[in-house]
Amino acid sequence: MIDLSIYANNNAKTLVAGTVGSIGITLPGNMGTMATGVAYKVGTIPAGSVILDVQIVVDTLFNGDSVGDGTGTKPAVNVGYTGALTAFASALAVNTTGIKAGTAGESVATESDIIVTPTIYANTTAGDLRVVVTFVETATVTGMFTA
């Protein structure tokens, strides 16, 4: 470890990695029936954090489509944070299972809620996803940097 507290204007902050992970939304489930266009909070990122990675894990595909016969527009989600609802994913298809990559590289100056906004249809009856956000908190902790 390197003790950086000996340098001027350094308050010996440590880099603390954390996740808003395995916080899921399920349709239907503990949130009840989801509605299209409604913003659902799935977690909170601390002030002064840098977003390193965003993954959307679709465990159960979101079924249905805009037409009702399988040929229409498929369900999708936007993933972002308070004030930037599409910062991590915009119209990301969730009609197949697996890990979907979001966009990272954002920094949040104030504490921000992670928000998922779905586009689903009347015939969407199933779907389960988790949003995993990996971040580094840089502004509100104390300790030592590690090298």
N, C-alpha and C. Protein backbone atom coordinates (compact mmCIF):
# COMPACT_ATOMS: atom_id res chain seq x y z
N MET A 1 0.83 -1.18 0.00
CA MET A 1 0.00 0.00 0.00
C MET A 1 0.87 1.24 0.00
N ILE A 2 0.33 2.26 -0.61
CA ILE A 2 1.03 3.54 -0.65
C ILE A 2 0.22 4.52 0.18
N ASP A 3 0.84 5.13 1.16
CA ASP A 3 0.16 6.11 1.99
C ASP A 3 0.28 7.47 1.31
N LEU A 4 -0.82 7.91 0.71
CA LEU A 4 -0.82 9.18 -0.01
C LEU A 4 -1.18 10.36 0.90
N SER A 5 -1.44 10.09 2.16
CA SER A 5 -1.85 11.17 3.06
C SER A 5 -0.72 12.15 3.32
N ILE A 6 0.52 11.78 2.96
CA ILE A 6 1.64 12.68 3.20
C ILE A 6 1.72 13.80 2.16
N TYR A 7 0.96 13.66 1.08
CA TYR A 7 1.00 14.67 0.02
C TYR A 7 -0.02 15.77 0.29
N ALA A 8 0.28 16.96 -0.16
CA ALA A 8 -0.57 18.13 0.08
C ALA A 8 -1.98 17.92 -0.47
N ASN A 9 -2.95 18.40 0.26
CA ASN A 9 -4.36 18.39 -0.14
C ASN A 9 -4.90 16.99 -0.38
N ASN A 10 -4.35 15.99 0.25
CA ASN A 10 -4.85 14.64 0.09
C ASN A 10 -5.45 14.20 1.42
N ASN A 11 -6.69 13.78 1.38
CA ASN A 11 -7.33 13.35 2.62
C ASN A 11 -7.33 11.83 2.74
N ALA A 12 -6.41 11.18 2.05
CA ALA A 12 -6.21 9.72 2.16
C ALA A 12 -7.47 8.94 1.83
N LYS A 13 -8.10 9.28 0.73
CA LYS A 13 -9.30 8.56 0.32
C LYS A 13 -8.92 7.18 -0.19
N THR A 14 -9.84 6.25 -0.03
CA THR A 14 -9.64 4.92 -0.58
C THR A 14 -10.63 4.73 -1.72
N LEU A 15 -10.29 3.89 -2.64
CA LEU A 15 -11.22 3.55 -3.71
C LEU A 15 -12.03 2.36 -3.25
N VAL A 16 -13.32 2.54 -3.16
CA VAL A 16 -14.19 1.49 -2.68
C VAL A 16 -15.08 1.05 -3.83
N ALA A 17 -14.89 -0.18 -4.25
CA ALA A 17 -15.71 -0.70 -5.34
C ALA A 17 -16.98 -1.27 -4.76
N GLY A 18 -18.07 -1.13 -5.46
CA GLY A 18 -19.33 -1.69 -5.01
C GLY A 18 -20.21 -1.94 -6.20
N THR A 19 -21.32 -2.56 -5.98
CA THR A 19 -22.25 -2.79 -7.06
C THR A 19 -23.67 -2.52 -6.61
N VAL A 20 -24.48 -2.13 -7.54
CA VAL A 20 -25.92 -2.18 -7.35
C VAL A 20 -26.28 -3.42 -8.14
N GLY A 21 -26.08 -4.58 -7.54
CA GLY A 21 -26.16 -5.82 -8.29
C GLY A 21 -27.18 -6.76 -7.72
N SER A 22 -27.63 -7.65 -8.55
CA SER A 22 -28.64 -8.64 -8.19
C SER A 22 -29.86 -7.98 -7.58
N ILE A 23 -30.10 -6.75 -7.97
CA ILE A 23 -31.34 -6.07 -7.61
C ILE A 23 -32.19 -6.20 -8.85
N GLY A 24 -33.23 -6.97 -8.78
CA GLY A 24 -33.94 -7.32 -10.00
C GLY A 24 -35.33 -6.75 -10.10
N ILE A 25 -35.82 -6.75 -11.31
CA ILE A 25 -37.23 -6.45 -11.53
C ILE A 25 -37.81 -7.67 -12.24
N THR A 26 -38.99 -8.06 -11.84
CA THR A 26 -39.62 -9.26 -12.38
C THR A 26 -41.03 -8.92 -12.80
N LEU A 27 -41.46 -9.48 -13.89
CA LEU A 27 -42.82 -9.28 -14.38
C LEU A 27 -43.50 -10.64 -14.50
N PRO A 28 -44.63 -10.91 -13.87
CA PRO A 28 -45.07 -10.18 -12.71
C PRO A 28 -44.23 -10.61 -11.52
N GLY A 29 -44.28 -9.92 -10.45
CA GLY A 29 -43.46 -10.29 -9.30
C GLY A 29 -43.70 -9.36 -8.15
N ASN A 30 -42.66 -9.12 -7.37
CA ASN A 30 -42.84 -8.32 -6.16
C ASN A 30 -43.17 -6.87 -6.48
N MET A 31 -42.97 -6.44 -7.71
CA MET A 31 -43.35 -5.08 -8.09
C MET A 31 -44.73 -5.05 -8.72
N GLY A 32 -45.38 -6.20 -8.82
CA GLY A 32 -46.68 -6.25 -9.48
C GLY A 32 -46.49 -6.20 -10.99
N THR A 33 -47.54 -5.91 -11.70
CA THR A 33 -47.47 -5.84 -13.15
C THR A 33 -46.79 -4.54 -13.54
N MET A 34 -45.75 -4.65 -14.34
CA MET A 34 -45.03 -3.46 -14.80
C MET A 34 -45.83 -2.78 -15.89
N ALA A 35 -45.65 -1.50 -16.00
CA ALA A 35 -46.33 -0.73 -17.03
C ALA A 35 -45.29 -0.10 -17.95
N THR A 36 -45.61 0.01 -19.20
CA THR A 36 -44.70 0.60 -20.16
C THR A 36 -44.48 2.08 -19.85
N GLY A 37 -43.26 2.54 -19.97
CA GLY A 37 -42.94 3.94 -19.76
C GLY A 37 -42.79 4.38 -18.32
N VAL A 38 -43.04 3.48 -17.36
CA VAL A 38 -42.93 3.84 -15.95
C VAL A 38 -41.48 3.62 -15.51
N ALA A 39 -40.92 4.59 -14.78
CA ALA A 39 -39.53 4.49 -14.30
C ALA A 39 -39.51 3.73 -12.98
N TYR A 40 -38.75 2.62 -12.95
CA TYR A 40 -38.63 1.79 -11.75
C TYR A 40 -37.23 1.94 -11.17
N LYS A 41 -37.15 2.29 -9.90
CA LYS A 41 -35.87 2.41 -9.21
C LYS A 41 -35.37 1.02 -8.83
N VAL A 42 -34.08 0.73 -9.15
CA VAL A 42 -33.52 -0.57 -8.78
C VAL A 42 -32.33 -0.46 -7.84
N GLY A 43 -31.92 0.74 -7.52
CA GLY A 43 -30.81 0.92 -6.59
C GLY A 43 -30.33 2.36 -6.60
N THR A 44 -29.33 2.66 -5.78
CA THR A 44 -28.81 4.02 -5.66
C THR A 44 -27.29 4.01 -5.72
N ILE A 45 -26.73 4.92 -6.49
CA ILE A 45 -25.28 5.09 -6.60
C ILE A 45 -24.89 6.28 -5.72
N PRO A 46 -23.84 6.15 -4.91
CA PRO A 46 -23.41 7.26 -4.04
C PRO A 46 -22.87 8.45 -4.84
N ALA A 47 -22.97 9.61 -4.26
CA ALA A 47 -22.42 10.83 -4.87
C ALA A 47 -20.93 10.67 -5.10
N GLY A 48 -20.43 11.27 -6.18
CA GLY A 48 -19.01 11.24 -6.47
C GLY A 48 -18.51 9.90 -6.99
N SER A 49 -19.38 9.10 -7.58
CA SER A 49 -18.98 7.79 -8.09
C SER A 49 -18.75 7.83 -9.59
N VAL A 50 -17.88 6.94 -10.05
CA VAL A 50 -17.63 6.75 -11.47
C VAL A 50 -18.15 5.37 -11.85
N ILE A 51 -18.99 5.31 -12.88
CA ILE A 51 -19.58 4.05 -13.32
C ILE A 51 -18.57 3.34 -14.21
N LEU A 52 -18.16 2.14 -13.80
CA LEU A 52 -17.17 1.38 -14.54
C LEU A 52 -17.78 0.39 -15.52
N ASP A 53 -18.93 -0.19 -15.17
CA ASP A 53 -19.51 -1.23 -16.01
C ASP A 53 -21.00 -1.32 -15.73
N VAL A 54 -21.76 -1.60 -16.77
CA VAL A 54 -23.20 -1.80 -16.64
C VAL A 54 -23.56 -3.05 -17.44
N GLN A 55 -24.21 -3.98 -16.78
CA GLN A 55 -24.67 -5.20 -17.43
C GLN A 55 -26.15 -5.38 -17.11
N ILE A 56 -26.92 -5.80 -18.10
CA ILE A 56 -28.31 -6.14 -17.89
C ILE A 56 -28.40 -7.65 -18.11
N VAL A 57 -28.80 -8.38 -17.08
CA VAL A 57 -28.86 -9.83 -17.15
C VAL A 57 -30.33 -10.21 -17.29
N VAL A 58 -30.70 -10.75 -18.46
CA VAL A 58 -32.07 -11.17 -18.70
C VAL A 58 -32.14 -12.66 -18.39
N ASP A 59 -32.78 -13.00 -17.26
CA ASP A 59 -32.90 -14.39 -16.83
C ASP A 59 -34.09 -15.08 -17.52
N THR A 60 -35.17 -14.36 -17.64
CA THR A 60 -36.36 -14.86 -18.34
C THR A 60 -36.70 -13.82 -19.39
N LEU A 61 -36.76 -14.25 -20.65
CA LEU A 61 -37.03 -13.27 -21.71
C LEU A 61 -38.38 -12.61 -21.51
N PHE A 62 -38.47 -11.37 -21.95
CA PHE A 62 -39.73 -10.64 -21.93
C PHE A 62 -40.46 -11.02 -23.22
N ASN A 63 -41.62 -11.66 -23.07
CA ASN A 63 -42.34 -12.14 -24.24
C ASN A 63 -43.29 -11.07 -24.77
N GLY A 64 -44.01 -11.42 -25.79
CA GLY A 64 -44.99 -10.50 -26.37
C GLY A 64 -44.36 -9.57 -27.39
N ASP A 65 -45.22 -8.81 -28.05
CA ASP A 65 -44.77 -7.81 -29.02
C ASP A 65 -45.88 -6.80 -29.26
N SER A 66 -45.58 -5.80 -30.05
CA SER A 66 -46.53 -4.70 -30.25
C SER A 66 -47.75 -5.10 -31.08
N VAL A 67 -47.63 -6.14 -31.88
CA VAL A 67 -48.74 -6.57 -32.73
C VAL A 67 -49.54 -7.69 -32.08
N GLY A 68 -48.85 -8.57 -31.37
CA GLY A 68 -49.53 -9.67 -30.71
C GLY A 68 -49.41 -10.99 -31.44
N ASP A 69 -48.72 -11.00 -32.57
CA ASP A 69 -48.58 -12.25 -33.32
C ASP A 69 -47.12 -12.67 -33.50
N GLY A 70 -46.21 -12.01 -32.77
CA GLY A 70 -44.80 -12.36 -32.87
C GLY A 70 -44.02 -11.57 -33.91
N THR A 71 -44.71 -10.75 -34.70
CA THR A 71 -44.02 -10.02 -35.78
C THR A 71 -43.77 -8.55 -35.45
N GLY A 72 -44.30 -8.10 -34.33
CA GLY A 72 -44.19 -6.67 -33.98
C GLY A 72 -42.91 -6.34 -33.22
N THR A 73 -42.84 -5.11 -32.77
CA THR A 73 -41.71 -4.61 -31.98
C THR A 73 -41.64 -5.37 -30.66
N LYS A 74 -40.44 -5.78 -30.30
CA LYS A 74 -40.24 -6.60 -29.10
C LYS A 74 -40.04 -5.70 -27.87
N PRO A 75 -40.25 -6.25 -26.67
CA PRO A 75 -40.03 -5.49 -25.44
C PRO A 75 -38.57 -5.03 -25.32
N ALA A 76 -38.40 -3.88 -24.68
CA ALA A 76 -37.07 -3.29 -24.51
C ALA A 76 -37.05 -2.49 -23.21
N VAL A 77 -35.86 -2.12 -22.78
CA VAL A 77 -35.73 -1.28 -21.59
C VAL A 77 -34.72 -0.17 -21.84
N ASN A 78 -34.95 0.92 -21.13
CA ASN A 78 -33.96 1.98 -21.00
C ASN A 78 -33.40 1.83 -19.58
N VAL A 79 -32.10 2.05 -19.44
CA VAL A 79 -31.47 2.00 -18.13
C VAL A 79 -30.64 3.26 -17.97
N GLY A 80 -30.83 3.96 -16.87
CA GLY A 80 -30.08 5.18 -16.62
C GLY A 80 -30.13 5.53 -15.16
N TYR A 81 -30.04 6.81 -14.91
CA TYR A 81 -30.08 7.28 -13.53
C TYR A 81 -30.87 8.57 -13.50
N THR A 82 -31.15 9.05 -12.30
CA THR A 82 -31.93 10.26 -12.11
C THR A 82 -31.40 11.37 -13.01
N GLY A 83 -32.23 11.90 -13.86
CA GLY A 83 -31.82 12.99 -14.74
C GLY A 83 -31.24 12.56 -16.06
N ALA A 84 -30.96 11.27 -16.25
CA ALA A 84 -30.40 10.75 -17.51
C ALA A 84 -30.90 9.31 -17.69
N LEU A 85 -32.17 9.16 -18.03
CA LEU A 85 -32.83 7.86 -18.00
C LEU A 85 -32.36 6.87 -19.06
N THR A 86 -31.58 7.32 -20.05
CA THR A 86 -31.05 6.40 -21.06
C THR A 86 -29.52 6.39 -21.07
N ALA A 87 -28.90 6.81 -19.98
CA ALA A 87 -27.43 6.93 -19.93
C ALA A 87 -26.71 5.60 -20.14
N PHE A 88 -27.30 4.49 -19.69
CA PHE A 88 -26.62 3.19 -19.75
C PHE A 88 -27.16 2.28 -20.84
N ALA A 89 -28.41 2.44 -21.22
CA ALA A 89 -29.00 1.63 -22.29
C ALA A 89 -30.24 2.34 -22.80
N SER A 90 -30.39 2.34 -24.12
CA SER A 90 -31.55 2.96 -24.74
C SER A 90 -32.21 1.93 -25.66
N ALA A 91 -33.46 1.61 -25.38
CA ALA A 91 -34.23 0.65 -26.16
C ALA A 91 -33.48 -0.68 -26.32
N LEU A 92 -32.91 -1.17 -25.24
CA LEU A 92 -32.18 -2.43 -25.24
C LEU A 92 -33.16 -3.59 -25.27
N ALA A 93 -33.06 -4.43 -26.30
CA ALA A 93 -33.97 -5.57 -26.46
C ALA A 93 -33.81 -6.56 -25.31
N VAL A 94 -34.93 -6.99 -24.75
CA VAL A 94 -34.93 -7.96 -23.65
C VAL A 94 -35.79 -9.18 -23.99
N ASN A 95 -35.92 -9.47 -25.29
CA ASN A 95 -36.72 -10.62 -25.72
C ASN A 95 -35.87 -11.87 -25.91
N THR A 96 -34.61 -11.83 -25.48
CA THR A 96 -33.76 -13.02 -25.43
C THR A 96 -33.05 -13.01 -24.08
N THR A 97 -32.67 -14.19 -23.61
CA THR A 97 -31.97 -14.28 -22.34
C THR A 97 -30.48 -14.03 -22.54
N GLY A 98 -29.80 -13.75 -21.44
CA GLY A 98 -28.36 -13.57 -21.48
C GLY A 98 -27.95 -12.22 -20.93
N ILE A 99 -26.65 -11.96 -21.05
CA ILE A 99 -26.08 -10.71 -20.55
C ILE A 99 -26.02 -9.70 -21.69
N LYS A 100 -26.58 -8.54 -21.45
CA LYS A 100 -26.58 -7.45 -22.42
C LYS A 100 -25.68 -6.35 -21.87
N ALA A 101 -24.78 -5.86 -22.68
CA ALA A 101 -23.85 -4.82 -22.24
C ALA A 101 -24.51 -3.46 -22.32
N GLY A 102 -24.37 -2.72 -21.24
CA GLY A 102 -24.80 -1.34 -21.23
C GLY A 102 -23.61 -0.44 -21.49
N THR A 103 -23.79 0.84 -21.35
CA THR A 103 -22.73 1.82 -21.56
C THR A 103 -22.27 2.34 -20.22
N ALA A 104 -20.96 2.39 -20.01
CA ALA A 104 -20.40 2.89 -18.76
C ALA A 104 -19.66 4.19 -19.02
N GLY A 105 -18.86 4.62 -18.05
CA GLY A 105 -18.05 5.80 -18.23
C GLY A 105 -18.67 7.08 -17.73
N GLU A 106 -19.79 6.98 -17.07
CA GLU A 106 -20.45 8.16 -16.50
C GLU A 106 -19.90 8.43 -15.10
N SER A 107 -19.96 9.66 -14.69
CA SER A 107 -19.70 9.97 -13.29
C SER A 107 -20.93 10.69 -12.75
N VAL A 108 -21.24 10.42 -11.49
CA VAL A 108 -22.42 11.04 -10.88
C VAL A 108 -21.97 11.94 -9.75
N ALA A 109 -22.29 13.20 -9.85
CA ALA A 109 -21.87 14.19 -8.85
C ALA A 109 -22.70 14.09 -7.58
N THR A 110 -23.97 13.74 -7.73
CA THR A 110 -24.86 13.62 -6.58
C THR A 110 -25.39 12.20 -6.49
N GLU A 111 -25.86 11.81 -5.32
CA GLU A 111 -26.46 10.49 -5.16
C GLU A 111 -27.55 10.32 -6.21
N SER A 112 -27.52 9.21 -6.93
CA SER A 112 -28.44 9.02 -8.06
C SER A 112 -29.08 7.65 -8.02
N ASP A 113 -30.37 7.61 -8.29
CA ASP A 113 -31.08 6.35 -8.39
C ASP A 113 -30.85 5.73 -9.75
N ILE A 114 -30.61 4.40 -9.78
CA ILE A 114 -30.55 3.67 -11.03
C ILE A 114 -31.99 3.36 -11.42
N ILE A 115 -32.35 3.69 -12.66
CA ILE A 115 -33.73 3.62 -13.12
C ILE A 115 -33.83 2.71 -14.35
N VAL A 116 -34.84 1.83 -14.36
CA VAL A 116 -35.17 1.02 -15.52
C VAL A 116 -36.55 1.45 -16.00
N THR A 117 -36.66 1.77 -17.29
CA THR A 117 -37.93 2.16 -17.88
C THR A 117 -38.25 1.17 -19.01
N PRO A 118 -39.25 0.30 -18.82
CA PRO A 118 -39.54 -0.71 -19.84
C PRO A 118 -40.50 -0.21 -20.92
N THR A 119 -40.37 -0.83 -22.08
CA THR A 119 -41.38 -0.73 -23.13
C THR A 119 -41.90 -2.14 -23.30
N ILE A 120 -43.10 -2.38 -22.77
CA ILE A 120 -43.72 -3.70 -22.84
C ILE A 120 -45.11 -3.53 -23.43
N TYR A 121 -45.73 -4.65 -23.72
CA TYR A 121 -47.01 -4.62 -24.44
C TYR A 121 -48.08 -5.38 -23.68
N ALA A 122 -49.33 -5.22 -24.09
CA ALA A 122 -50.45 -5.85 -23.40
C ALA A 122 -50.29 -7.36 -23.32
N ASN A 123 -49.62 -7.96 -24.30
CA ASN A 123 -49.45 -9.42 -24.31
C ASN A 123 -48.11 -9.85 -23.70
N THR A 124 -47.39 -8.95 -23.04
CA THR A 124 -46.18 -9.31 -22.31
C THR A 124 -46.60 -9.84 -20.95
N THR A 125 -46.34 -11.13 -20.72
CA THR A 125 -46.78 -11.76 -19.48
C THR A 125 -45.64 -12.31 -18.65
N ALA A 126 -44.42 -12.25 -19.16
CA ALA A 126 -43.28 -12.79 -18.43
C ALA A 126 -42.05 -11.96 -18.74
N GLY A 127 -41.12 -12.02 -17.82
CA GLY A 127 -39.85 -11.33 -18.00
C GLY A 127 -39.17 -11.12 -16.67
N ASP A 128 -37.86 -11.29 -16.66
CA ASP A 128 -37.11 -11.15 -15.42
C ASP A 128 -35.72 -10.65 -15.79
N LEU A 129 -35.30 -9.55 -15.19
CA LEU A 129 -33.95 -9.06 -15.45
C LEU A 129 -33.35 -8.47 -14.21
N ARG A 130 -32.03 -8.39 -14.22
CA ARG A 130 -31.27 -7.74 -13.16
C ARG A 130 -30.36 -6.72 -13.81
N VAL A 131 -30.14 -5.63 -13.13
CA VAL A 131 -29.22 -4.60 -13.59
C VAL A 131 -28.03 -4.62 -12.64
N VAL A 132 -26.83 -4.79 -13.19
CA VAL A 132 -25.61 -4.83 -12.38
C VAL A 132 -24.76 -3.63 -12.78
N VAL A 133 -24.56 -2.73 -11.83
CA VAL A 133 -23.76 -1.53 -12.07
C VAL A 133 -22.54 -1.60 -11.16
N THR A 134 -21.36 -1.58 -11.77
CA THR A 134 -20.12 -1.58 -11.00
C THR A 134 -19.58 -0.16 -11.00
N PHE A 135 -19.26 0.34 -9.83
CA PHE A 135 -18.82 1.72 -9.73
C PHE A 135 -17.69 1.84 -8.72
N VAL A 136 -16.98 2.94 -8.81
CA VAL A 136 -15.97 3.28 -7.82
C VAL A 136 -16.41 4.57 -7.16
N GLU A 137 -16.50 4.54 -5.85
CA GLU A 137 -16.86 5.72 -5.08
C GLU A 137 -15.57 6.49 -4.81
N THR A 138 -15.52 7.74 -5.21
CA THR A 138 -14.26 8.49 -5.12
C THR A 138 -14.30 9.69 -4.21
N ALA A 139 -15.46 10.06 -3.69
CA ALA A 139 -15.52 11.34 -3.01
C ALA A 139 -15.84 11.32 -1.53
N THR A 140 -16.39 10.25 -0.99
CA THR A 140 -16.94 10.36 0.36
C THR A 140 -16.39 9.35 1.34
N VAL A 141 -15.24 8.77 1.05
CA VAL A 141 -14.69 7.77 1.95
C VAL A 141 -13.30 8.16 2.40
N THR A 142 -12.81 7.52 3.44
CA THR A 142 -11.46 7.82 3.92
C THR A 142 -10.67 6.52 4.06
N GLY A 143 -9.38 6.61 4.05
CA GLY A 143 -8.53 5.44 4.16
C GLY A 143 -7.28 5.61 3.33
N MET A 144 -6.82 4.55 2.66
CA MET A 144 -5.61 4.58 1.86
C MET A 144 -5.88 4.06 0.47
N PHE A 145 -5.22 4.64 -0.51
CA PHE A 145 -5.22 4.05 -1.85
C PHE A 145 -4.39 2.79 -1.80
N THR A 146 -4.72 1.82 -2.60
CA THR A 146 -3.88 0.62 -2.70
C THR A 146 -3.25 0.60 -4.08
N ALA A 147 -2.04 0.07 -4.15
CA ALA A 147 -1.33 0.04 -5.43
C ALA A 147 -1.04 -1.39 -5.82
